[in-house]
Amino acid sequence: MAAFSRKINVEIDWVGETAFEIHGTLDDNVHSLDSRLLVAFPDFTIKHASAVITRMPYPGFCQGATSAISGLIGERIGRGFRKRASQVLGGAESCNHLHTLVNDMAVCAFQMNYYAARRNSKAEALMEEAETDIRRRRLLVLDWMPQLRNSCYVFSEANDSLFDDAESKPTDDKQANQN
């Protein structure tokens, strides 16, 4: 058994049509944190932020670090968010473990774009049609979420040429089934 282990869990669900809540937990041998962010959709602005620490090395003291999370209210999850979160949660006024948890929560938040598209029957139909055409699927995603451009290897402009003839290449699932 490992001397130390940490688990981070993130769950996201819709709150009405124009917002979602991100619930994150961090549990390890020393710490247990719980955080919630209410995020407006589609602009990804944080409307409410809260956190509690229930297991900590310094009971009675560590809990004071959670008040810093209110500094995220009004911030927009997107490019530059990690830097802004670091300024709010990464220093002596907060808790490094809360900073870690909130960063993971923010990374997961962007997945709600996909679930929003699935709520739209036209978008869902287009994605189903493009299921085996990865070039077309990539272009659809970039059209719906232009902010993904240059956010990772797959959406990098430098790698556009990899997808030029991608519709004729099997997807990883197809390759796995063929082997």
C-alpha atoms as a PDB file:
ATOM      1  CA  MET A   1       0.000   0.000   0.000  1.00  0.00           C
ATOM      2  CA  ALA A   2       1.223   3.508  -0.820  1.00  0.00           C
ATOM      3  CA  ALA A   3       2.344   5.778   1.990  1.00  0.00           C
ATOM      4  CA  PHE A   4       0.339   8.643   0.444  1.00  0.00           C
ATOM      5  CA  SER A   5      -2.547   8.780  -1.997  1.00  0.00           C
ATOM      6  CA  ARG A   6      -4.822  11.543  -3.274  1.00  0.00           C
ATOM      7  CA  LYS A   7      -8.137  11.391  -5.092  1.00  0.00           C
ATOM      8  CA  ILE A   8      -9.776  14.296  -6.840  1.00  0.00           C
ATOM      9  CA  ASN A   9     -13.345  13.929  -8.035  1.00  0.00           C
ATOM     10  CA  VAL A  10     -15.266  16.417 -10.162  1.00  0.00           C
ATOM     11  CA  GLU A  11     -18.983  16.262 -10.935  1.00  0.00           C
ATOM     12  CA  ILE A  12     -20.870  18.782 -13.046  1.00  0.00           C
ATOM     13  CA  ASP A  13     -24.586  19.160 -13.612  1.00  0.00           C
ATOM     14  CA  TRP A  14     -26.927  21.693 -15.135  1.00  0.00           C
ATOM     15  CA  VAL A  15     -28.727  24.238 -12.958  1.00  0.00           C
ATOM     16  CA  GLY A  16     -31.472  25.431 -15.263  1.00  0.00           C
ATOM     17  CA  GLU A  17     -30.744  26.317 -18.870  1.00  0.00           C
ATOM     18  CA  THR A  18     -28.063  28.949 -18.342  1.00  0.00           C
ATOM     19  CA  ALA A  19     -25.824  27.670 -15.554  1.00  0.00           C
ATOM     20  CA  PHE A  20     -24.115  24.593 -14.195  1.00  0.00           C
ATOM     21  CA  GLU A  21     -22.594  23.652 -10.862  1.00  0.00           C
ATOM     22  CA  ILE A  22     -19.176  22.084 -10.519  1.00  0.00           C
ATOM     23  CA  HIS A  23     -18.686  20.062  -7.358  1.00  0.00           C
ATOM     24  CA  GLY A  24     -15.145  18.995  -6.595  1.00  0.00           C
ATOM     25  CA  THR A  25     -13.614  17.008  -3.779  1.00  0.00           C
ATOM     26  CA  LEU A  26     -10.004  16.374  -2.867  1.00  0.00           C
ATOM     27  CA  ASP A  27      -9.206  13.614  -0.395  1.00  0.00           C
ATOM     28  CA  ASP A  28      -5.819  12.388   0.709  1.00  0.00           C
ATOM     29  CA  ASN A  29      -4.209  11.038   3.852  1.00  0.00           C
ATOM     30  CA  VAL A  30      -4.012  14.522   5.375  1.00  0.00           C
ATOM     31  CA  HIS A  31      -6.644  16.717   3.661  1.00  0.00           C
ATOM     32  CA  SER A  32     -10.299  16.624   2.699  1.00  0.00           C
ATOM     33  CA  LEU A  33     -11.728  19.565   0.756  1.00  0.00           C
ATOM     34  CA  ASP A  34     -15.073  20.186  -0.880  1.00  0.00           C
ATOM     35  CA  SER A  35     -15.694  23.027  -3.318  1.00  0.00           C
ATOM     36  CA  ARG A  36     -18.591  24.231  -5.454  1.00  0.00           C
ATOM     37  CA  LEU A  37     -18.640  26.713  -8.312  1.00  0.00           C
ATOM     38  CA  LEU A  38     -21.834  27.995  -9.927  1.00  0.00           C
ATOM     39  CA  VAL A  39     -20.931  28.911 -13.496  1.00  0.00           C
ATOM     40  CA  ALA A  40     -23.000  30.865 -16.037  1.00  0.00           C
ATOM     41  CA  PHE A  41     -23.334  29.268 -19.454  1.00  0.00           C
ATOM     42  CA  PRO A  42     -22.292  29.919 -22.181  1.00  0.00           C
ATOM     43  CA  ASP A  43     -19.922  32.641 -20.946  1.00  0.00           C
ATOM     44  CA  PHE A  44     -18.354  30.524 -18.125  1.00  0.00           C
ATOM     45  CA  THR A  45     -18.444  33.337 -15.564  1.00  0.00           C
ATOM     46  CA  ILE A  46     -18.289  32.166 -11.948  1.00  0.00           C
ATOM     47  CA  LYS A  47     -21.405  33.386 -10.137  1.00  0.00           C
ATOM     48  CA  HIS A  48     -20.832  31.716  -6.771  1.00  0.00           C
ATOM     49  CA  ALA A  49     -17.857  29.954  -5.182  1.00  0.00           C
ATOM     50  CA  SER A  50     -17.563  28.112  -1.894  1.00  0.00           C
ATOM     51  CA  ALA A  51     -15.231  25.676  -0.198  1.00  0.00           C
ATOM     52  CA  VAL A  52     -14.852  23.785   3.064  1.00  0.00           C
ATOM     53  CA  ILE A  53     -11.948  21.886   4.538  1.00  0.00           C
ATOM     54  CA  THR A  54     -13.031  18.996   6.757  1.00  0.00           C
ATOM     55  CA  ARG A  55      -9.710  17.197   7.285  1.00  0.00           C
ATOM     56  CA  MET A  56      -6.519  19.187   7.704  1.00  0.00           C
ATOM     57  CA  PRO A  57      -3.183  19.244   9.507  1.00  0.00           C
ATOM     58  CA  TYR A  58      -4.065  22.350  11.560  1.00  0.00           C
ATOM     59  CA  PRO A  59      -7.716  22.171  12.700  1.00  0.00           C
ATOM     60  CA  GLY A  60      -9.089  25.534  13.659  1.00  0.00           C
ATOM     61  CA  PHE A  61      -6.616  27.338  11.405  1.00  0.00           C
ATOM     62  CA  CYS A  62      -6.758  25.828   7.898  1.00  0.00           C
ATOM     63  CA  GLN A  63     -10.461  26.639   7.505  1.00  0.00           C
ATOM     64  CA  GLY A  64      -9.584  30.338   7.251  1.00  0.00           C
ATOM     65  CA  ALA A  65      -7.999  29.650   3.867  1.00  0.00           C
ATOM     66  CA  THR A  66     -11.341  28.922   2.198  1.00  0.00           C
ATOM     67  CA  SER A  67     -12.628  32.511   2.282  1.00  0.00           C
ATOM     68  CA  ALA A  68     -10.217  33.417  -0.533  1.00  0.00           C
ATOM     69  CA  ILE A  69     -12.332  31.429  -2.992  1.00  0.00           C
ATOM     70  CA  SER A  70     -14.868  34.284  -3.101  1.00  0.00           C
ATOM     71  CA  GLY A  71     -12.210  36.164  -5.081  1.00  0.00           C
ATOM     72  CA  LEU A  72     -13.073  33.956  -8.054  1.00  0.00           C
ATOM     73  CA  ILE A  73     -16.630  35.328  -8.313  1.00  0.00           C
ATOM     74  CA  GLY A  74     -16.882  37.259 -11.564  1.00  0.00           C
ATOM     75  CA  GLU A  75     -13.891  35.485 -13.113  1.00  0.00           C
ATOM     76  CA  ARG A  76     -14.365  33.720 -16.422  1.00  0.00           C
ATOM     77  CA  ILE A  77     -13.164  30.149 -16.852  1.00  0.00           C
ATOM     78  CA  GLY A  78     -11.113  30.138 -20.043  1.00  0.00           C
ATOM     79  CA  ARG A  79      -7.685  31.188 -21.235  1.00  0.00           C
ATOM     80  CA  GLY A  80      -5.746  32.767 -18.416  1.00  0.00           C
ATOM     81  CA  PHE A  81      -7.918  31.281 -15.676  1.00  0.00           C
ATOM     82  CA  ARG A  82      -5.100  29.252 -14.130  1.00  0.00           C
ATOM     83  CA  LYS A  83      -3.034  32.391 -13.717  1.00  0.00           C
ATOM     84  CA  ARG A  84      -5.938  34.292 -12.172  1.00  0.00           C
ATOM     85  CA  ALA A  85      -6.776  31.341  -9.889  1.00  0.00           C
ATOM     86  CA  SER A  86      -3.134  31.216  -8.819  1.00  0.00           C
ATOM     87  CA  GLN A  87      -3.274  34.885  -7.863  1.00  0.00           C
ATOM     88  CA  VAL A  88      -6.441  34.298  -5.816  1.00  0.00           C
ATOM     89  CA  LEU A  89      -5.764  30.852  -4.331  1.00  0.00           C
ATOM     90  CA  GLY A  90      -2.076  30.165  -4.804  1.00  0.00           C
ATOM     91  CA  GLY A  91      -0.564  32.291  -2.099  1.00  0.00           C
ATOM     92  CA  ALA A  92      -0.437  32.753   1.634  1.00  0.00           C
ATOM     93  CA  GLU A  93      -4.093  33.862   1.837  1.00  0.00           C
ATOM     94  CA  SER A  94      -5.433  30.496   0.737  1.00  0.00           C
ATOM     95  CA  CYS A  95      -4.595  26.802   0.507  1.00  0.00           C
ATOM     96  CA  ASN A  96      -2.441  25.100  -2.105  1.00  0.00           C
ATOM     97  CA  HIS A  97      -4.752  22.065  -2.047  1.00  0.00           C
ATOM     98  CA  LEU A  98      -7.797  24.247  -2.759  1.00  0.00           C
ATOM     99  CA  HIS A  99      -5.866  25.823  -5.631  1.00  0.00           C
ATOM    100  CA  THR A 100      -5.142  22.346  -7.035  1.00  0.00           C
ATOM    101  CA  LEU A 101      -8.794  21.301  -6.719  1.00  0.00           C
ATOM    102  CA  VAL A 102     -10.196  24.463  -8.334  1.00  0.00           C
ATOM    103  CA  ASN A 103      -7.786  24.144 -11.271  1.00  0.00           C
ATOM    104  CA  ASP A 104      -8.987  20.588 -11.895  1.00  0.00           C
ATOM    105  CA  MET A 105     -12.605  21.733 -11.618  1.00  0.00           C
ATOM    106  CA  ALA A 106     -12.014  24.501 -14.174  1.00  0.00           C
ATOM    107  CA  VAL A 107     -10.381  22.100 -16.630  1.00  0.00           C
ATOM    108  CA  CYS A 108     -13.449  19.869 -16.421  1.00  0.00           C
ATOM    109  CA  ALA A 109     -15.873  22.793 -16.826  1.00  0.00           C
ATOM    110  CA  PHE A 110     -15.183  23.102 -20.523  1.00  0.00           C
ATOM    111  CA  GLN A 111     -16.735  19.681 -21.122  1.00  0.00           C
ATOM    112  CA  MET A 112     -20.135  21.297 -20.628  1.00  0.00           C
ATOM    113  CA  ASN A 113     -19.838  22.687 -24.164  1.00  0.00           C
ATOM    114  CA  TYR A 114     -20.137  19.129 -25.452  1.00  0.00           C
ATOM    115  CA  TYR A 115     -23.130  18.397 -23.252  1.00  0.00           C
ATOM    116  CA  ALA A 116     -24.787  21.643 -24.312  1.00  0.00           C
ATOM    117  CA  ALA A 117     -24.354  20.627 -27.944  1.00  0.00           C
ATOM    118  CA  ARG A 118     -25.934  17.268 -27.170  1.00  0.00           C
ATOM    119  CA  ARG A 119     -29.001  19.097 -25.838  1.00  0.00           C
ATOM    120  CA  ASN A 120     -29.430  20.577 -29.320  1.00  0.00           C
ATOM    121  CA  SER A 121     -30.913  17.939 -31.638  1.00  0.00           C
ATOM    122  CA  LYS A 122     -29.352  19.518 -34.761  1.00  0.00           C
ATOM    123  CA  ALA A 123     -25.887  19.549 -33.208  1.00  0.00           C
ATOM    124  CA  GLU A 124     -26.325  15.995 -31.935  1.00  0.00           C
ATOM    125  CA  ALA A 125     -27.330  14.829 -35.412  1.00  0.00           C
ATOM    126  CA  LEU A 126     -24.289  16.531 -36.980  1.00  0.00           C
ATOM    127  CA  MET A 127     -21.966  14.897 -34.450  1.00  0.00           C
ATOM    128  CA  GLU A 128     -23.522  11.484 -35.124  1.00  0.00           C
ATOM    129  CA  GLU A 129     -23.054  11.997 -38.861  1.00  0.00           C
ATOM    130  CA  ALA A 130     -19.409  12.927 -38.260  1.00  0.00           C
ATOM    131  CA  GLU A 131     -18.733  10.070 -35.830  1.00  0.00           C
ATOM    132  CA  THR A 132     -16.466   8.198 -38.236  1.00  0.00           C
ATOM    133  CA  ASP A 133     -15.092  11.287 -39.991  1.00  0.00           C
ATOM    134  CA  ILE A 134     -12.633  12.720 -37.478  1.00  0.00           C
ATOM    135  CA  ARG A 135     -11.675  15.645 -39.720  1.00  0.00           C
ATOM    136  CA  ARG A 136     -15.302  16.757 -39.982  1.00  0.00           C
ATOM    137  CA  ARG A 137     -15.906  16.163 -36.270  1.00  0.00           C
ATOM    138  CA  ARG A 138     -12.856  18.304 -35.410  1.00  0.00           C
ATOM    139  CA  LEU A 139     -14.060  21.116 -37.692  1.00  0.00           C
ATOM    140  CA  LEU A 140     -17.542  20.998 -36.145  1.00  0.00           C
ATOM    141  CA  VAL A 141     -16.099  21.236 -32.653  1.00  0.00           C
ATOM    142  CA  LEU A 142     -13.838  24.151 -33.635  1.00  0.00           C
ATOM    143  CA  ASP A 143     -16.781  25.897 -35.276  1.00  0.00           C
ATOM    144  CA  TRP A 144     -18.897  25.574 -32.114  1.00  0.00           C
ATOM    145  CA  MET A 145     -16.029  26.315 -29.722  1.00  0.00           C
ATOM    146  CA  PRO A 146     -13.429  28.506 -31.452  1.00  0.00           C
ATOM    147  CA  GLN A 147     -11.747  29.068 -28.092  1.00  0.00           C
ATOM    148  CA  LEU A 148     -10.374  25.524 -28.381  1.00  0.00           C
ATOM    149  CA  ARG A 149      -8.103  26.640 -31.227  1.00  0.00           C
ATOM    150  CA  ASN A 150      -4.483  26.144 -30.111  1.00  0.00           C
ATOM    151  CA  SER A 151      -5.580  24.833 -26.710  1.00  0.00           C
ATOM    152  CA  CYS A 152      -4.081  21.372 -27.248  1.00  0.00           C
ATOM    153  CA  TYR A 153      -2.291  19.151 -29.765  1.00  0.00           C
ATOM    154  CA  VAL A 154      -5.464  18.069 -31.589  1.00  0.00           C
ATOM    155  CA  PHE A 155      -6.770  21.610 -32.022  1.00  0.00           C
ATOM    156  CA  SER A 156      -3.395  23.193 -32.819  1.00  0.00           C
ATOM    157  CA  GLU A 157      -3.162  25.140 -36.077  1.00  0.00           C
ATOM    158  CA  ALA A 158       0.265  23.570 -36.503  1.00  0.00           C
ATOM    159  CA  ASN A 159      -1.414  20.176 -36.748  1.00  0.00           C
ATOM    160  CA  ASP A 160      -4.224  21.055 -39.187  1.00  0.00           C
ATOM    161  CA  SER A 161      -2.425  19.098 -41.907  1.00  0.00           C
ATOM    162  CA  LEU A 162      -2.687  15.903 -39.845  1.00  0.00           C
ATOM    163  CA  PHE A 163      -6.426  16.033 -40.433  1.00  0.00           C
ATOM    164  CA  ASP A 164      -6.359  16.849 -44.170  1.00  0.00           C
ATOM    165  CA  ASP A 165      -6.976  13.252 -45.178  1.00  0.00           C
ATOM    166  CA  ALA A 166      -8.179  12.052 -41.781  1.00  0.00           C
ATOM    167  CA  GLU A 167     -11.630  11.011 -42.989  1.00  0.00           C
ATOM    168  CA  SER A 168     -10.001   8.049 -44.749  1.00  0.00           C
ATOM    169  CA  LYS A 169      -8.019   7.033 -41.659  1.00  0.00           C
ATOM    170  CA  PRO A 170      -9.650   4.718 -39.120  1.00  0.00           C
ATOM    171  CA  THR A 171     -10.307   6.145 -35.682  1.00  0.00           C
ATOM    172  CA  ASP A 172      -8.583   4.560 -32.687  1.00  0.00           C
ATOM    173  CA  ASP A 173     -11.752   2.564 -31.931  1.00  0.00           C
ATOM    174  CA  LYS A 174     -11.782   1.112 -35.428  1.00  0.00           C
ATOM    175  CA  GLN A 175      -8.089   0.245 -35.210  1.00  0.00           C
ATOM    176  CA  ALA A 176      -8.602  -1.471 -31.862  1.00  0.00           C
ATOM    177  CA  ASN A 177     -11.468  -3.540 -33.283  1.00  0.00           C
ATOM    178  CA  GLN A 178      -9.358  -4.554 -36.280  1.00  0.00           C
ATOM    179  CA  ASN A 179      -6.451  -5.806 -34.149  1.00  0.00           C
END
